Amino acid sequence: MRAWLVRGVSMAVVHAVVLTAVADVRVTHPDWTAWARPLSLAVLAVLAMLWGGLDTWQGRTGHGMVWFRAALLAGPTAGVLGLVGQGLLVDKTGVEALGAAVTGGAAFTALLVLVPAFAGLALARITSHPAAAEQRQV
C-alpha cells in the first residue's frame, strides 16, 4: 500500500476521534474545554512530528511529498469522519456542518498534519548520526 495513503488515513482517523472526543467534552463537561482543546492539539502535533521523524530515521526517501499527500487526504477525510462521529455519538450534528468540516476544518487539519510532520522530518535530519546521513546519501 502507498505510504501516503497509510499516513493520511491513519492521521484522519486519529483526528476524527480526537475531534469527537473534544466535542463530547464540550457537551458533557463545558468547564473542561479550556484544557481539552490545547491538549488535543498538542497530542496531534506530537504524533505527526514523531511519525515524520521516524520516517527520516528509517532512511525513507521522498518522505516530504509523502507527508504532503497524506495531509491533503487527511484534511477532508478527518472532517467527514469527525462529523459522522459527532452526529452518531455526541450531539446529532447534521449535514449542515458538512461545508465547514470539508473547507476550513479540512484546511486546519491538513496544516496540523503537514507542519508538525515537516518539523519532525527536519529535526530528525538534524539530530541523526552523521554516519547514517552518509549512508543515505550514497
C-alpha atoms as a PDB file:
ATOM      1  CA  MET A   1       0.000   0.000   0.000  1.00  0.00           C
ATOM      2  CA  ARG A   2       1.209   3.513  -0.684  1.00  0.00           C
ATOM      3  CA  ALA A   3       2.861   5.267   2.250  1.00  0.00           C
ATOM      4  CA  TRP A   4       0.881   8.494   1.844  1.00  0.00           C
ATOM      5  CA  LEU A   5      -2.390   6.568   1.939  1.00  0.00           C
ATOM      6  CA  VAL A   6      -1.489   4.814   5.191  1.00  0.00           C
ATOM      7  CA  ARG A   7      -0.357   8.046   6.809  1.00  0.00           C
ATOM      8  CA  GLY A   8      -3.303  10.062   5.507  1.00  0.00           C
ATOM      9  CA  VAL A   9      -5.988   7.607   6.570  1.00  0.00           C
ATOM     10  CA  SER A  10      -4.330   6.948   9.933  1.00  0.00           C
ATOM     11  CA  MET A  11      -3.992  10.626  10.727  1.00  0.00           C
ATOM     12  CA  ALA A  12      -7.571  11.274   9.546  1.00  0.00           C
ATOM     13  CA  VAL A  13      -8.938   8.597  11.874  1.00  0.00           C
ATOM     14  CA  VAL A  14      -6.903   9.902  14.825  1.00  0.00           C
ATOM     15  CA  HIS A  15      -8.005  13.483  14.129  1.00  0.00           C
ATOM     16  CA  ALA A  16     -11.643  12.412  13.816  1.00  0.00           C
ATOM     17  CA  VAL A  17     -11.503  10.511  17.113  1.00  0.00           C
ATOM     18  CA  VAL A  18      -9.924  13.490  18.869  1.00  0.00           C
ATOM     19  CA  LEU A  19     -12.425  15.880  17.286  1.00  0.00           C
ATOM     20  CA  THR A  20     -15.303  13.711  18.501  1.00  0.00           C
ATOM     21  CA  ALA A  21     -13.782  13.402  21.973  1.00  0.00           C
ATOM     22  CA  VAL A  22     -13.338  17.170  22.273  1.00  0.00           C
ATOM     23  CA  ALA A  23     -16.946  17.678  21.128  1.00  0.00           C
ATOM     24  CA  ASP A  24     -18.074  15.224  23.789  1.00  0.00           C
ATOM     25  CA  VAL A  25     -16.085  17.073  26.451  1.00  0.00           C
ATOM     26  CA  ARG A  26     -17.567  20.347  25.228  1.00  0.00           C
ATOM     27  CA  VAL A  27     -21.104  18.959  25.644  1.00  0.00           C
ATOM     28  CA  THR A  28     -20.751  16.926  28.846  1.00  0.00           C
ATOM     29  CA  HIS A  29     -18.164  18.993  30.753  1.00  0.00           C
ATOM     30  CA  PRO A  30     -18.039  22.536  29.311  1.00  0.00           C
ATOM     31  CA  ASP A  31     -15.663  23.747  32.013  1.00  0.00           C
ATOM     32  CA  TRP A  32     -13.005  21.215  30.864  1.00  0.00           C
ATOM     33  CA  THR A  33     -12.887  22.659  27.337  1.00  0.00           C
ATOM     34  CA  ALA A  34     -10.204  25.161  28.331  1.00  0.00           C
ATOM     35  CA  TRP A  35      -7.626  22.385  28.736  1.00  0.00           C
ATOM     36  CA  ALA A  36      -9.090  19.727  26.424  1.00  0.00           C
ATOM     37  CA  ARG A  37      -8.615  21.668  23.191  1.00  0.00           C
ATOM     38  CA  PRO A  38      -4.958  22.708  23.680  1.00  0.00           C
ATOM     39  CA  LEU A  39      -4.084  19.250  24.993  1.00  0.00           C
ATOM     40  CA  SER A  40      -5.679  17.575  21.977  1.00  0.00           C
ATOM     41  CA  LEU A  41      -3.829  19.883  19.569  1.00  0.00           C
ATOM     42  CA  ALA A  42      -0.545  19.143  21.306  1.00  0.00           C
ATOM     43  CA  VAL A  43      -1.132  15.377  21.137  1.00  0.00           C
ATOM     44  CA  LEU A  44      -1.972  15.542  17.428  1.00  0.00           C
ATOM     45  CA  ALA A  45       1.054  17.704  16.639  1.00  0.00           C
ATOM     46  CA  VAL A  46       3.439  15.469  18.605  1.00  0.00           C
ATOM     47  CA  LEU A  47       2.059  12.376  16.881  1.00  0.00           C
ATOM     48  CA  ALA A  48       2.672  13.833  13.405  1.00  0.00           C
ATOM     49  CA  MET A  49       6.101  15.103  14.438  1.00  0.00           C
ATOM     50  CA  LEU A  50       7.171  11.719  15.792  1.00  0.00           C
ATOM     51  CA  TRP A  51       5.921   9.862  12.734  1.00  0.00           C
ATOM     52  CA  GLY A  52       7.673  12.309  10.417  1.00  0.00           C
ATOM     53  CA  GLY A  53      10.882  11.961  12.401  1.00  0.00           C
ATOM     54  CA  LEU A  54      10.597   8.187  12.294  1.00  0.00           C
ATOM     55  CA  ASP A  55      10.444   8.340   8.504  1.00  0.00           C
ATOM     56  CA  THR A  56      13.740  10.214   8.417  1.00  0.00           C
ATOM     57  CA  TRP A  57      15.417   7.972  10.974  1.00  0.00           C
ATOM     58  CA  GLN A  58      14.448   4.906   8.952  1.00  0.00           C
ATOM     59  CA  GLY A  59      16.060   6.418   5.872  1.00  0.00           C
ATOM     60  CA  ARG A  60      12.968   6.556   3.697  1.00  0.00           C
ATOM     61  CA  THR A  61      13.248   8.663   0.562  1.00  0.00           C
ATOM     62  CA  GLY A  62      10.725  11.172  -0.733  1.00  0.00           C
ATOM     63  CA  HIS A  63       9.015  11.484   2.633  1.00  0.00           C
ATOM     64  CA  GLY A  64       8.319  15.217   2.201  1.00  0.00           C
ATOM     65  CA  MET A  65       5.969  14.576  -0.700  1.00  0.00           C
ATOM     66  CA  VAL A  66       4.500  11.562   1.121  1.00  0.00           C
ATOM     67  CA  TRP A  67       3.500  13.788   4.030  1.00  0.00           C
ATOM     68  CA  PHE A  68       2.179  16.480   1.698  1.00  0.00           C
ATOM     69  CA  ARG A  69      -0.158  13.978   0.043  1.00  0.00           C
ATOM     70  CA  ALA A  70      -1.090  12.474   3.402  1.00  0.00           C
ATOM     71  CA  ALA A  71      -2.062  15.906   4.720  1.00  0.00           C
ATOM     72  CA  LEU A  72      -4.201  16.601   1.653  1.00  0.00           C
ATOM     73  CA  LEU A  73      -6.009  13.305   2.215  1.00  0.00           C
ATOM     74  CA  ALA A  74      -6.291  13.634   5.998  1.00  0.00           C
ATOM     75  CA  GLY A  75      -7.919  17.083   5.942  1.00  0.00           C
ATOM     76  CA  PRO A  76     -11.277  16.424   4.311  1.00  0.00           C
ATOM     77  CA  THR A  77     -11.383  12.789   5.440  1.00  0.00           C
ATOM     78  CA  ALA A  78     -10.972  13.782   9.091  1.00  0.00           C
ATOM     79  CA  GLY A  79     -13.638  16.450   8.660  1.00  0.00           C
ATOM     80  CA  VAL A  80     -16.184  13.989   7.324  1.00  0.00           C
ATOM     81  CA  LEU A  81     -15.287  11.241   9.821  1.00  0.00           C
ATOM     82  CA  GLY A  82     -15.386  13.730  12.710  1.00  0.00           C
ATOM     83  CA  LEU A  83     -18.771  14.963  11.567  1.00  0.00           C
ATOM     84  CA  VAL A  84     -20.084  11.394  11.432  1.00  0.00           C
ATOM     85  CA  GLY A  85     -18.623  10.670  14.879  1.00  0.00           C
ATOM     86  CA  GLN A  86     -20.184  13.773  16.372  1.00  0.00           C
ATOM     87  CA  GLY A  87     -23.525  13.051  14.740  1.00  0.00           C
ATOM     88  CA  LEU A  88     -23.648   9.466  15.960  1.00  0.00           C
ATOM     89  CA  LEU A  89     -22.046   9.768  19.389  1.00  0.00           C
ATOM     90  CA  VAL A  90     -22.282  13.317  20.716  1.00  0.00           C
ATOM     91  CA  ASP A  91     -24.883  15.836  19.685  1.00  0.00           C
ATOM     92  CA  LYS A  92     -26.645  14.785  16.491  1.00  0.00           C
ATOM     93  CA  THR A  93     -24.603  17.096  14.296  1.00  0.00           C
ATOM     94  CA  GLY A  94     -26.111  17.013  10.824  1.00  0.00           C
ATOM     95  CA  VAL A  95     -25.345  17.719   7.202  1.00  0.00           C
ATOM     96  CA  GLU A  96     -25.493  21.465   7.856  1.00  0.00           C
ATOM     97  CA  ALA A  97     -21.973  21.276   9.343  1.00  0.00           C
ATOM     98  CA  LEU A  98     -20.522  19.461   6.333  1.00  0.00           C
ATOM     99  CA  GLY A  99     -19.479  22.626   4.497  1.00  0.00           C
ATOM    100  CA  ALA A 100     -17.400  23.921   7.393  1.00  0.00           C
ATOM    101  CA  ALA A 101     -15.928  20.459   8.009  1.00  0.00           C
ATOM    102  CA  VAL A 102     -14.612  19.991   4.475  1.00  0.00           C
ATOM    103  CA  THR A 103     -13.390  23.557   3.930  1.00  0.00           C
ATOM    104  CA  GLY A 104     -11.997  25.391   6.963  1.00  0.00           C
ATOM    105  CA  GLY A 105     -11.777  22.328   9.158  1.00  0.00           C
ATOM    106  CA  ALA A 106     -10.062  20.364   6.408  1.00  0.00           C
ATOM    107  CA  ALA A 107      -7.514  23.110   5.810  1.00  0.00           C
ATOM    108  CA  PHE A 108      -6.725  23.341   9.519  1.00  0.00           C
ATOM    109  CA  THR A 109      -6.374  19.568   9.810  1.00  0.00           C
ATOM    110  CA  ALA A 110      -4.132  19.407   6.745  1.00  0.00           C
ATOM    111  CA  LEU A 111      -1.854  22.035   8.263  1.00  0.00           C
ATOM    112  CA  LEU A 112      -1.959  20.280  11.624  1.00  0.00           C
ATOM    113  CA  VAL A 113      -0.639  17.169   9.885  1.00  0.00           C
ATOM    114  CA  LEU A 114       1.784  18.811   7.474  1.00  0.00           C
ATOM    115  CA  VAL A 115       3.607  21.376   9.620  1.00  0.00           C
ATOM    116  CA  PRO A 116       4.491  19.073  12.556  1.00  0.00           C
ATOM    117  CA  ALA A 117       5.424  16.250  10.178  1.00  0.00           C
ATOM    118  CA  PHE A 118       7.806  18.557   8.301  1.00  0.00           C
ATOM    119  CA  ALA A 119       9.196  19.757  11.636  1.00  0.00           C
ATOM    120  CA  GLY A 120       9.766  16.129  12.612  1.00  0.00           C
ATOM    121  CA  LEU A 121      11.469  15.438   9.291  1.00  0.00           C
ATOM    122  CA  ALA A 122      13.775  18.429   9.769  1.00  0.00           C
ATOM    123  CA  LEU A 123      14.564  17.715  13.415  1.00  0.00           C
ATOM    124  CA  ALA A 124      15.314  14.074  12.695  1.00  0.00           C
ATOM    125  CA  ARG A 125      17.630  15.040   9.852  1.00  0.00           C
ATOM    126  CA  ILE A 126      19.474  17.482  12.133  1.00  0.00           C
ATOM    127  CA  THR A 127      19.753  15.032  15.021  1.00  0.00           C
ATOM    128  CA  SER A 128      20.565  11.914  13.013  1.00  0.00           C
ATOM    129  CA  HIS A 129      24.002  10.396  13.324  1.00  0.00           C
ATOM    130  CA  PRO A 130      26.457  11.648  10.646  1.00  0.00           C
ATOM    131  CA  ALA A 131      27.330   8.082   9.599  1.00  0.00           C
ATOM    132  CA  ALA A 132      23.658   7.332   8.992  1.00  0.00           C
ATOM    133  CA  ALA A 133      23.350  10.512   6.927  1.00  0.00           C
ATOM    134  CA  GLU A 134      26.322   9.465   4.805  1.00  0.00           C
ATOM    135  CA  GLN A 135      24.748   6.067   4.166  1.00  0.00           C
ATOM    136  CA  ARG A 136      21.512   7.713   3.000  1.00  0.00           C
ATOM    137  CA  GLN A 137      23.392   9.920   0.531  1.00  0.00           C
ATOM    138  CA  VAL A 138      25.276   7.009  -1.055  1.00  0.00           C
END
